[in-house]
Amino acid sequence: MYSREIAERRSSPIEKGKPIAGTWTAAFEELDLLDIERPYRWPLSRWMRDLRIKEWQSFFVQDDRYYLQAVLSNLKHYRWAQVFLYDKETKEQLRFRKLLPFTGWRMPRSLANASVESRSLGFFFRIHNWLDADTIRVDLDIEPGRRRPSFTAHLEYDLGMSGLTPKAMPMAVSLLFDENRSMYAYKALSPVRGDMVFGGRHISLKPERTQGIFADFKGYYSFRMRQVWCSAFGFDEENRSYGFSMAENQTKEAFTNNENALWVDGRLTPLPPVRITMPEGTGGPWIIQDTEGMVDLVFNPQTPVHNRIEIFLSWADYETPLGFFNGALVDADGRQIQVHNLWGMGEKLFLRV
């Protein structure tokens, strides 16, 4: 069965100007990819290297009825925020996208105690990464539009889990595109508490039945970036919390290190590389499998969400359908987990910037 080394926390995945590939049990003390010396074959000034670094944070939260996704990204040529809320009972949706040209803020270099916010006409998005207190806080405020009700959310990820389940182990990885060019990802699954107001309706999220995946990304991604993600979480037949986040990307040596993770009651199982195929396109079933017998899933999209952006000679095509996962996973103990109609999201991104 697949396994890989998970090292203890270190200050940075960069050593003597070179990126180090690996998997760790905690976020790095500080991460600045500009510390990498000569990430490209030709010399570039610091501001040009900074322009090539793409970074974003993603939030996925759901209880028995509601599913929320929010993304705040800094692509340097422009900033991009997206919010998607779905009511599983009524099928009511909130879709919101904000696009702002040029960079105006930077994502935190440390998750210990740092914040970032985006404030513009009719929109407010603030993130406080506070891992020193086992907490991540998110505030969202969207004013009503012609066809869209107002939306407000105050959410708190409890990475300490407050005794609900054993404290979850997050996963931090540094993955190489080539010898001097890398990407970083931090992922964690935890209970979430908070409140949302959607169209005047108050929604209280209880940590006993609400979970969330938080993900932080930075990287010297290719000019033509292609990635596919799949993530879902919930409770199994024994009422254990579990969830997964998997990706197929352009990094090399994916068998040794990758960003694929499974959590069961807080325990982390690093997963092998997966292949995600869509024989009928993104609207049909997605087949997610590995070669080690640990991942065998089918994702059936129910609610398509398609974003296409063209700005300043850059181009992005981003599909984020919401739907059901079915199949089986195997954890680090060799125990099979049956996945039955588990709500989650698929993401397919092509970015040229």
Protein backbone atom coordinates (compact mmCIF):
# COMPACT_ATOMS: atom_id res chain seq x y z
CA MET A 1 0.00 0.00 0.00
CA TYR A 2 1.17 3.49 -0.79
CA SER A 3 2.96 5.52 1.86
CA ARG A 4 5.36 8.43 1.98
CA GLU A 5 7.44 10.22 4.55
CA ILE A 6 5.74 13.02 6.45
CA ALA A 7 8.36 15.20 8.10
CA GLU A 8 8.01 17.43 11.13
CA ARG A 9 7.44 21.15 10.72
CA ARG A 10 10.26 23.25 9.31
CA SER A 11 10.67 26.98 8.95
CA SER A 12 10.64 27.07 5.15
CA PRO A 13 10.74 24.69 2.16
CA ILE A 14 13.57 26.78 0.69
CA GLU A 15 17.18 26.13 1.62
CA LYS A 16 20.20 28.06 0.32
CA GLY A 17 18.08 29.52 -2.47
CA LYS A 18 16.75 26.13 -3.64
CA PRO A 19 13.24 24.71 -3.20
CA ILE A 20 12.96 21.42 -1.30
CA ALA A 21 10.31 18.86 -2.23
CA GLY A 22 8.50 17.12 0.59
CA THR A 23 5.44 16.62 2.79
CA TRP A 24 5.16 18.06 6.30
CA THR A 25 2.74 17.94 9.24
CA ALA A 26 2.27 21.69 9.71
CA ALA A 27 2.40 25.02 7.93
CA PHE A 28 5.80 26.61 7.45
CA GLU A 29 6.81 29.45 9.75
CA GLU A 30 7.14 31.73 6.73
CA LEU A 31 7.10 31.19 3.01
CA ASP A 32 8.38 33.62 0.39
CA LEU A 33 9.02 32.07 -3.01
CA LEU A 34 11.12 35.12 -3.90
CA ASP A 35 13.79 33.52 -1.70
CA ILE A 36 14.34 31.00 -4.50
CA GLU A 37 17.37 32.07 -6.51
CA ARG A 38 16.96 32.11 -10.27
CA PRO A 39 13.70 30.13 -10.64
CA TYR A 40 14.02 30.52 -14.41
CA ARG A 41 16.96 29.85 -16.68
CA TRP A 42 17.32 33.52 -17.52
CA PRO A 43 17.88 36.21 -14.87
CA LEU A 44 14.82 38.22 -13.91
CA SER A 45 14.48 41.22 -11.63
CA ARG A 46 12.67 40.75 -8.33
CA TRP A 47 9.48 42.46 -9.50
CA MET A 48 9.33 40.29 -12.62
CA ARG A 49 9.77 37.13 -10.55
CA ASP A 50 7.06 38.34 -8.20
CA LEU A 51 4.74 38.83 -11.19
CA ARG A 52 5.09 35.12 -12.02
CA ILE A 53 4.00 33.93 -8.56
CA LYS A 54 0.30 33.08 -8.33
CA GLU A 55 -1.38 32.68 -4.94
CA TRP A 56 -4.85 32.05 -3.52
CA GLN A 57 -6.80 30.70 -0.57
CA SER A 58 -9.87 28.48 -0.91
CA PHE A 59 -12.63 27.74 1.60
CA PHE A 60 -15.16 24.91 1.40
CA VAL A 61 -17.83 24.64 4.10
CA GLN A 62 -20.94 22.49 4.35
CA ASP A 63 -23.50 21.08 6.75
CA ASP A 64 -26.46 18.83 6.01
CA ARG A 65 -28.21 21.53 3.98
CA TYR A 66 -25.81 24.21 2.71
CA TYR A 67 -22.59 24.13 0.69
CA LEU A 68 -20.36 27.21 0.49
CA GLN A 69 -17.25 27.79 -1.58
CA ALA A 70 -15.19 31.00 -1.47
CA VAL A 71 -11.90 31.79 -3.19
CA LEU A 72 -9.67 34.85 -2.88
CA SER A 73 -6.80 34.90 -5.38
CA ASN A 74 -3.98 37.19 -6.40
CA LEU A 75 -2.90 36.39 -9.95
CA LYS A 76 -0.80 39.58 -10.10
CA HIS A 77 -2.29 40.76 -13.40
CA TYR A 78 -5.61 40.87 -11.59
CA ARG A 79 -7.35 39.84 -8.38
CA TRP A 80 -10.23 37.42 -8.44
CA ALA A 81 -12.80 36.52 -5.79
CA GLN A 82 -15.59 33.99 -6.16
CA VAL A 83 -18.39 32.96 -3.79
CA PHE A 84 -20.86 30.14 -4.42
CA LEU A 85 -23.61 29.09 -1.97
CA TYR A 86 -25.99 26.21 -2.64
CA ASP A 87 -29.10 25.12 -0.73
CA LYS A 88 -29.33 21.33 -1.15
CA GLU A 89 -33.03 21.24 -0.25
CA THR A 90 -34.44 24.07 -2.37
CA LYS A 91 -31.59 24.13 -4.97
CA GLU A 92 -31.42 27.90 -4.46
CA GLN A 93 -28.02 29.37 -5.38
CA LEU A 94 -25.89 32.42 -4.84
CA ARG A 95 -23.17 33.05 -7.42
CA PHE A 96 -20.86 36.00 -7.10
CA ARG A 97 -17.61 36.96 -8.85
CA LYS A 98 -15.47 40.05 -8.40
CA LEU A 99 -12.63 40.86 -10.79
CA LEU A 100 -10.21 43.70 -10.02
CA PRO A 101 -7.34 44.63 -12.35
CA PHE A 102 -3.78 44.76 -11.07
CA THR A 103 -2.50 43.63 -7.71
CA GLY A 104 -3.42 45.61 -4.61
CA TRP A 105 -2.54 43.26 -1.76
CA ARG A 106 -0.46 40.20 -1.03
CA MET A 107 -1.52 36.93 0.49
CA PRO A 108 0.09 36.23 3.88
CA ARG A 109 3.62 34.80 3.95
CA SER A 110 2.78 33.10 7.24
CA LEU A 111 -0.42 31.49 8.51
CA ALA A 112 0.58 31.92 12.16
CA ASN A 113 -1.20 35.26 12.66
CA ALA A 114 -1.84 37.32 9.54
CA SER A 115 -4.80 38.73 7.67
CA VAL A 116 -5.75 39.88 4.20
CA GLU A 117 -8.88 41.63 2.96
CA SER A 118 -10.47 42.71 -0.28
CA ARG A 119 -12.82 45.67 -0.09
CA SER A 120 -14.58 47.12 -3.13
CA LEU A 121 -17.97 48.48 -4.13
CA GLY A 122 -20.63 46.12 -2.76
CA PHE A 123 -18.15 43.47 -1.62
CA PHE A 124 -16.02 42.67 1.43
CA PHE A 125 -13.86 39.57 1.99
CA ARG A 126 -11.52 39.27 4.98
CA ILE A 127 -9.39 36.30 6.03
CA HIS A 128 -7.57 36.03 9.34
CA ASN A 129 -5.17 33.08 9.34
CA TRP A 130 -4.44 32.42 12.99
CA LEU A 131 -2.91 28.97 13.25
CA ASP A 132 -1.15 29.96 16.48
CA ALA A 133 -4.65 29.78 17.98
CA ASP A 134 -5.79 26.83 15.80
CA THR A 135 -8.25 29.16 14.09
CA ILE A 136 -9.02 30.57 10.66
CA ARG A 137 -11.67 33.27 10.46
CA VAL A 138 -13.52 34.35 7.34
CA ASP A 139 -15.85 37.34 6.89
CA LEU A 140 -17.91 37.89 3.75
CA ASP A 141 -20.36 40.64 2.88
CA ILE A 142 -22.05 40.91 -0.51
CA GLU A 143 -24.63 43.60 -1.18
CA PRO A 144 -27.78 42.68 -3.13
CA GLY A 145 -27.82 42.97 -6.90
CA ARG A 146 -30.60 43.14 -9.46
CA ARG A 147 -31.00 39.34 -9.45
CA ARG A 148 -29.04 38.46 -6.33
CA PRO A 149 -30.01 38.71 -2.66
CA SER A 150 -27.57 40.00 -0.07
CA PHE A 151 -25.21 37.58 1.65
CA THR A 152 -23.19 37.86 4.85
CA ALA A 153 -21.08 35.18 6.53
CA HIS A 154 -18.89 35.01 9.62
CA LEU A 155 -17.10 31.66 9.80
CA GLU A 156 -14.50 30.13 12.08
CA TYR A 157 -12.48 27.01 11.31
CA ASP A 158 -11.66 25.22 14.57
CA LEU A 159 -8.42 23.36 13.81
CA GLY A 160 -8.08 22.51 17.49
CA MET A 161 -11.47 20.79 17.15
CA SER A 162 -12.46 21.75 20.73
CA GLY A 163 -12.65 18.13 21.85
CA LEU A 164 -15.22 17.16 19.21
CA THR A 165 -12.77 14.73 17.60
CA PRO A 166 -9.00 14.26 17.80
CA LYS A 167 -7.14 17.31 16.54
CA ALA A 168 -6.75 17.02 12.79
CA MET A 169 -3.32 16.82 11.22
CA PRO A 170 -3.01 19.22 8.28
CA MET A 171 -0.72 18.64 5.32
CA ALA A 172 1.84 21.02 3.84
CA VAL A 173 3.69 20.15 0.66
CA SER A 174 6.34 21.65 -1.55
CA LEU A 175 6.26 20.26 -5.10
CA LEU A 176 8.68 20.87 -7.96
CA PHE A 177 7.90 21.89 -11.51
CA ASP A 178 11.61 21.77 -12.25
CA GLU A 179 14.85 22.09 -10.28
CA ASN A 180 14.34 25.74 -9.25
CA ARG A 181 10.61 26.29 -9.70
CA SER A 182 8.06 25.02 -7.18
CA MET A 183 4.58 25.32 -5.74
CA TYR A 184 3.37 25.06 -2.16
CA ALA A 185 0.04 23.89 -0.73
CA TYR A 186 -1.36 23.72 2.79
CA LYS A 187 -4.63 21.84 3.42
CA ALA A 188 -6.66 21.15 6.54
CA LEU A 189 -10.07 19.72 7.38
CA SER A 190 -11.82 20.86 10.56
CA PRO A 191 -15.20 21.63 12.16
CA VAL A 192 -16.61 25.06 11.32
CA ARG A 193 -18.93 27.28 13.35
CA GLY A 194 -20.52 30.53 12.34
CA ASP A 195 -23.51 32.37 10.97
CA MET A 196 -24.74 33.29 7.51
CA VAL A 197 -27.52 35.60 6.38
CA PHE A 198 -28.82 34.87 2.89
CA GLY A 199 -31.58 37.07 1.53
CA GLY A 200 -32.66 38.02 5.05
CA ARG A 201 -32.69 34.39 6.23
CA HIS A 202 -30.41 33.55 9.18
CA ILE A 203 -28.41 30.30 8.96
CA SER A 204 -26.55 29.00 12.01
CA LEU A 205 -23.69 26.56 11.38
CA LYS A 206 -23.10 24.12 14.23
CA PRO A 207 -19.60 22.58 14.51
CA GLU A 208 -21.07 19.16 15.35
CA ARG A 209 -22.47 18.89 11.80
CA THR A 210 -20.47 21.46 9.85
CA GLN A 211 -17.03 20.86 8.37
CA GLY A 212 -14.70 22.75 6.11
CA ILE A 213 -11.56 22.34 4.05
CA PHE A 214 -9.14 25.24 3.95
CA ALA A 215 -6.40 25.40 1.31
CA ASP A 216 -3.54 27.86 0.78
CA PHE A 217 -1.58 27.84 -2.51
CA LYS A 218 1.44 29.67 -3.88
CA GLY A 219 3.57 28.79 -6.86
CA TYR A 220 5.70 29.60 -9.87
CA TYR A 221 2.99 28.09 -12.03
CA SER A 222 3.48 27.68 -15.77
CA PHE A 223 2.34 30.39 -18.14
CA ARG A 224 -0.24 27.83 -19.30
CA MET A 225 -1.44 26.32 -16.05
CA ARG A 226 -3.67 23.24 -16.03
CA GLN A 227 -5.02 21.66 -12.85
CA VAL A 228 -7.97 19.53 -11.79
CA TRP A 229 -9.08 19.21 -8.14
CA CYS A 230 -11.68 17.10 -6.38
CA SER A 231 -12.71 17.58 -2.75
CA ALA A 232 -15.54 16.38 -0.52
CA PHE A 233 -16.22 15.82 3.16
CA GLY A 234 -18.95 14.66 5.51
CA PHE A 235 -19.72 11.80 7.89
CA ASP A 236 -19.57 8.06 7.30
CA GLU A 237 -21.97 5.35 8.49
CA GLU A 238 -20.22 5.30 11.89
CA ASN A 239 -20.66 9.09 12.17
CA ARG A 240 -16.93 9.64 11.79
CA SER A 241 -15.90 12.86 10.08
CA TYR A 242 -13.94 12.29 6.90
CA GLY A 243 -12.93 14.17 3.82
CA PHE A 244 -10.44 14.29 0.98
CA SER A 245 -8.74 16.71 -1.37
CA MET A 246 -6.99 15.49 -4.51
CA ALA A 247 -5.46 17.08 -7.58
CA GLU A 248 -3.86 16.30 -10.88
CA ASN A 249 -1.36 18.99 -11.81
CA GLN A 250 1.86 19.69 -13.75
CA THR A 251 4.38 18.91 -11.01
CA LYS A 252 6.95 16.16 -11.52
CA GLU A 253 7.69 13.13 -9.34
CA ALA A 254 4.08 13.08 -8.11
CA PHE A 255 4.50 9.58 -6.67
CA THR A 256 7.08 10.77 -4.15
CA ASN A 257 5.15 13.89 -3.08
CA ASN A 258 1.79 15.35 -4.05
CA GLU A 259 -1.08 17.33 -2.52
CA ASN A 260 -3.55 14.43 -2.19
CA ALA A 261 -4.91 13.84 1.31
CA LEU A 262 -7.58 11.87 3.17
CA TRP A 263 -8.71 12.65 6.72
CA VAL A 264 -10.71 10.25 8.90
CA ASP A 265 -11.59 11.58 12.37
CA GLY A 266 -8.69 13.98 12.09
CA ARG A 267 -6.10 11.40 11.08
CA LEU A 268 -4.21 12.20 7.88
CA THR A 269 -3.57 9.62 5.15
CA PRO A 270 -1.38 10.86 2.28
CA LEU A 271 -2.80 9.48 -0.95
CA PRO A 272 -0.95 8.43 -4.11
CA PRO A 273 -1.15 10.38 -7.36
CA VAL A 274 -4.49 10.08 -9.12
CA ARG A 275 -5.73 10.26 -12.66
CA ILE A 276 -8.92 12.30 -13.19
CA THR A 277 -10.67 11.61 -16.50
CA MET A 278 -13.88 13.02 -17.96
CA PRO A 279 -14.89 10.81 -20.90
CA GLU A 280 -18.12 12.79 -21.40
CA GLY A 281 -16.68 16.22 -20.61
CA THR A 282 -16.98 18.19 -17.38
CA GLY A 283 -20.76 17.78 -17.34
CA GLY A 284 -20.55 13.99 -17.26
CA PRO A 285 -19.02 11.62 -14.70
CA TRP A 286 -15.46 12.28 -13.51
CA ILE A 287 -13.43 9.12 -12.89
CA ILE A 288 -10.83 9.45 -10.10
CA GLN A 289 -8.46 6.49 -9.70
CA ASP A 290 -4.94 5.63 -8.62
CA THR A 291 -2.66 2.66 -9.34
CA GLU A 292 -2.29 1.60 -5.67
CA GLY A 293 -5.86 0.51 -4.96
CA MET A 294 -6.58 3.36 -2.50
CA VAL A 295 -8.75 5.65 -4.64
CA ASP A 296 -11.69 4.56 -6.79
CA LEU A 297 -14.30 7.30 -7.08
CA VAL A 298 -16.85 8.67 -9.52
CA PHE A 299 -17.97 12.30 -9.32
CA ASN A 300 -21.37 13.12 -10.83
CA PRO A 301 -21.81 16.89 -11.31
CA GLN A 302 -25.23 18.30 -10.45
CA THR A 303 -24.75 22.06 -10.56
CA PRO A 304 -22.37 23.47 -13.19
CA VAL A 305 -20.50 26.70 -12.48
CA HIS A 306 -18.43 28.03 -15.37
CA ASN A 307 -16.26 31.17 -15.35
CA ARG A 308 -14.40 32.52 -18.34
CA ILE A 309 -12.14 35.56 -18.04
CA GLU A 310 -10.18 37.47 -20.67
CA ILE A 311 -8.22 40.50 -19.47
CA PHE A 312 -4.88 42.10 -20.40
CA LEU A 313 -3.88 39.32 -22.82
CA SER A 314 -4.50 36.73 -20.09
CA TRP A 315 -7.17 34.07 -20.23
CA ALA A 316 -8.83 31.82 -17.65
CA ASP A 317 -11.37 29.03 -17.92
CA TYR A 318 -12.55 27.80 -14.52
CA GLU A 319 -15.27 25.18 -13.99
CA THR A 320 -16.43 24.31 -10.47
CA PRO A 321 -19.39 21.91 -10.59
CA LEU A 322 -21.00 20.74 -7.36
CA GLY A 323 -22.20 17.15 -7.11
CA PHE A 324 -21.95 13.67 -5.57
CA PHE A 325 -18.99 11.35 -5.05
CA ASN A 326 -19.44 7.58 -4.91
CA GLY A 327 -16.92 4.77 -4.60
CA ALA A 328 -14.30 3.73 -2.08
CA LEU A 329 -11.14 5.01 -0.38
CA VAL A 330 -8.54 3.20 1.72
CA ASP A 331 -6.91 4.84 4.75
CA ALA A 332 -3.43 4.35 6.21
CA ASP A 333 -4.61 1.31 8.25
CA GLY A 334 -5.83 -0.46 5.13
CA ARG A 335 -9.45 0.08 6.12
CA GLN A 336 -11.86 0.67 3.25
CA ILE A 337 -14.20 3.66 3.45
CA GLN A 338 -17.37 3.47 1.40
CA VAL A 339 -18.24 6.81 -0.17
CA HIS A 340 -21.96 7.11 -0.88
CA ASN A 341 -23.52 10.27 -2.33
CA LEU A 342 -20.98 12.48 -0.60
CA TRP A 343 -21.43 16.15 -1.53
CA GLY A 344 -18.35 17.82 -2.92
CA MET A 345 -16.90 19.87 -5.71
CA GLY A 346 -14.79 19.32 -8.79
CA GLU A 347 -12.57 22.09 -10.14
CA LYS A 348 -11.00 22.29 -13.58
CA LEU A 349 -8.76 25.26 -14.28
CA PHE A 350 -6.93 26.37 -17.38
CA LEU A 351 -5.08 29.62 -16.81
CA ARG A 352 -2.89 31.52 -19.26
CA VAL A 353 -1.34 34.44 -17.45
